[in-house]
Amino acid sequence: MKQIPFNHINWAAIEKVAYKGEKGFCIWQTIQYPGLRIRLVEYSSDYLADHWCQKGHIVHCYY
């Protein structure tokens, strides 16, 4: 069984990268561990993706 490397993430220290969608934009902050990627994503209110991802994802949403 693979273990998740639990620790504190200082999101303020993680680079923000903006991506345009078909409409609007999103901002990604990404941390990569071996076999695990954690991403904090902010979406503009009019965001519409320009693609569809076939992978499965685990998502936590907050407002």
C-alpha atoms as a PDB file:
ATOM      1  CA  MET A   1       0.000   0.000   0.000  1.00  0.00           C
ATOM      2  CA  LYS A   2       1.336   3.433  -0.973  1.00  0.00           C
ATOM      3  CA  GLN A   3       1.574   5.972   1.837  1.00  0.00           C
ATOM      4  CA  ILE A   4       0.632   9.629   1.392  1.00  0.00           C
ATOM      5  CA  PRO A   5       3.396  11.967   2.654  1.00  0.00           C
ATOM      6  CA  PHE A   6       1.295  14.057   5.054  1.00  0.00           C
ATOM      7  CA  ASN A   7       2.879  17.368   6.026  1.00  0.00           C
ATOM      8  CA  HIS A   8       2.187  21.097   6.123  1.00  0.00           C
ATOM      9  CA  ILE A   9       2.040  22.804   2.723  1.00  0.00           C
ATOM     10  CA  ASN A  10       2.984  26.472   2.643  1.00  0.00           C
ATOM     11  CA  TRP A  11       0.868  27.460  -0.363  1.00  0.00           C
ATOM     12  CA  ALA A  12       2.156  31.046  -0.173  1.00  0.00           C
ATOM     13  CA  ALA A  13       5.592  29.708  -1.182  1.00  0.00           C
ATOM     14  CA  ILE A  14       4.295  27.724  -4.200  1.00  0.00           C
ATOM     15  CA  GLU A  15       4.473  29.466  -7.590  1.00  0.00           C
ATOM     16  CA  LYS A  16       1.127  30.453  -9.160  1.00  0.00           C
ATOM     17  CA  VAL A  17       0.788  29.668 -12.879  1.00  0.00           C
ATOM     18  CA  ALA A  18      -2.143  31.013 -14.921  1.00  0.00           C
ATOM     19  CA  TYR A  19      -3.765  29.007 -17.753  1.00  0.00           C
ATOM     20  CA  LYS A  20      -6.339  30.312 -20.206  1.00  0.00           C
ATOM     21  CA  GLY A  21      -9.449  28.265 -20.775  1.00  0.00           C
ATOM     22  CA  GLU A  22     -11.858  28.425 -23.696  1.00  0.00           C
ATOM     23  CA  LYS A  23     -13.338  31.201 -21.570  1.00  0.00           C
ATOM     24  CA  GLY A  24     -11.769  32.708 -18.467  1.00  0.00           C
ATOM     25  CA  PHE A  25      -8.683  31.370 -16.728  1.00  0.00           C
ATOM     26  CA  CYS A  26      -7.485  29.224 -13.854  1.00  0.00           C
ATOM     27  CA  ILE A  27      -4.469  29.514 -11.576  1.00  0.00           C
ATOM     28  CA  TRP A  28      -2.556  26.392 -10.534  1.00  0.00           C
ATOM     29  CA  GLN A  29      -0.191  25.847  -7.637  1.00  0.00           C
ATOM     30  CA  THR A  30       1.378  22.390  -7.877  1.00  0.00           C
ATOM     31  CA  ILE A  31       3.482  20.163  -5.624  1.00  0.00           C
ATOM     32  CA  GLN A  32       4.940  16.935  -7.011  1.00  0.00           C
ATOM     33  CA  TYR A  33       5.888  13.881  -4.930  1.00  0.00           C
ATOM     34  CA  PRO A  34       6.885  10.495  -6.385  1.00  0.00           C
ATOM     35  CA  GLY A  35       3.631   9.082  -7.776  1.00  0.00           C
ATOM     36  CA  LEU A  36       1.505  11.929  -6.347  1.00  0.00           C
ATOM     37  CA  ARG A  37       0.684  15.418  -7.584  1.00  0.00           C
ATOM     38  CA  ILE A  38      -1.200  17.872  -5.372  1.00  0.00           C
ATOM     39  CA  ARG A  39      -2.648  20.942  -7.008  1.00  0.00           C
ATOM     40  CA  LEU A  40      -4.538  23.936  -5.624  1.00  0.00           C
ATOM     41  CA  VAL A  41      -6.615  25.479  -8.415  1.00  0.00           C
ATOM     42  CA  GLU A  42      -8.511  28.773  -8.501  1.00  0.00           C
ATOM     43  CA  TYR A  43     -11.022  29.363 -11.318  1.00  0.00           C
ATOM     44  CA  SER A  44     -12.341  32.652 -12.669  1.00  0.00           C
ATOM     45  CA  SER A  45     -16.131  32.947 -12.457  1.00  0.00           C
ATOM     46  CA  ASP A  46     -16.526  32.522 -16.241  1.00  0.00           C
ATOM     47  CA  TYR A  47     -14.031  29.643 -16.614  1.00  0.00           C
ATOM     48  CA  LEU A  48     -14.712  27.020 -19.276  1.00  0.00           C
ATOM     49  CA  ALA A  49     -12.007  24.393 -19.865  1.00  0.00           C
ATOM     50  CA  ASP A  50     -10.495  24.033 -23.327  1.00  0.00           C
ATOM     51  CA  HIS A  51     -10.000  20.260 -22.853  1.00  0.00           C
ATOM     52  CA  TRP A  52     -11.367  17.204 -21.054  1.00  0.00           C
ATOM     53  CA  CYS A  53      -9.107  15.009 -18.917  1.00  0.00           C
ATOM     54  CA  GLN A  54      -9.628  11.217 -19.079  1.00  0.00           C
ATOM     55  CA  LYS A  55      -7.794  10.493 -15.786  1.00  0.00           C
ATOM     56  CA  GLY A  56      -9.549   9.936 -12.484  1.00  0.00           C
ATOM     57  CA  HIS A  57      -9.103  12.636  -9.862  1.00  0.00           C
ATOM     58  CA  ILE A  58      -9.643  13.091  -6.152  1.00  0.00           C
ATOM     59  CA  VAL A  59     -11.106  16.531  -5.547  1.00  0.00           C
ATOM     60  CA  HIS A  60     -11.672  18.646  -2.458  1.00  0.00           C
ATOM     61  CA  CYS A  61     -13.696  21.815  -3.072  1.00  0.00           C
ATOM     62  CA  TYR A  62     -14.077  24.739  -0.739  1.00  0.00           C
ATOM     63  CA  TYR A  63     -15.737  28.087  -1.169  1.00  0.00           C
END
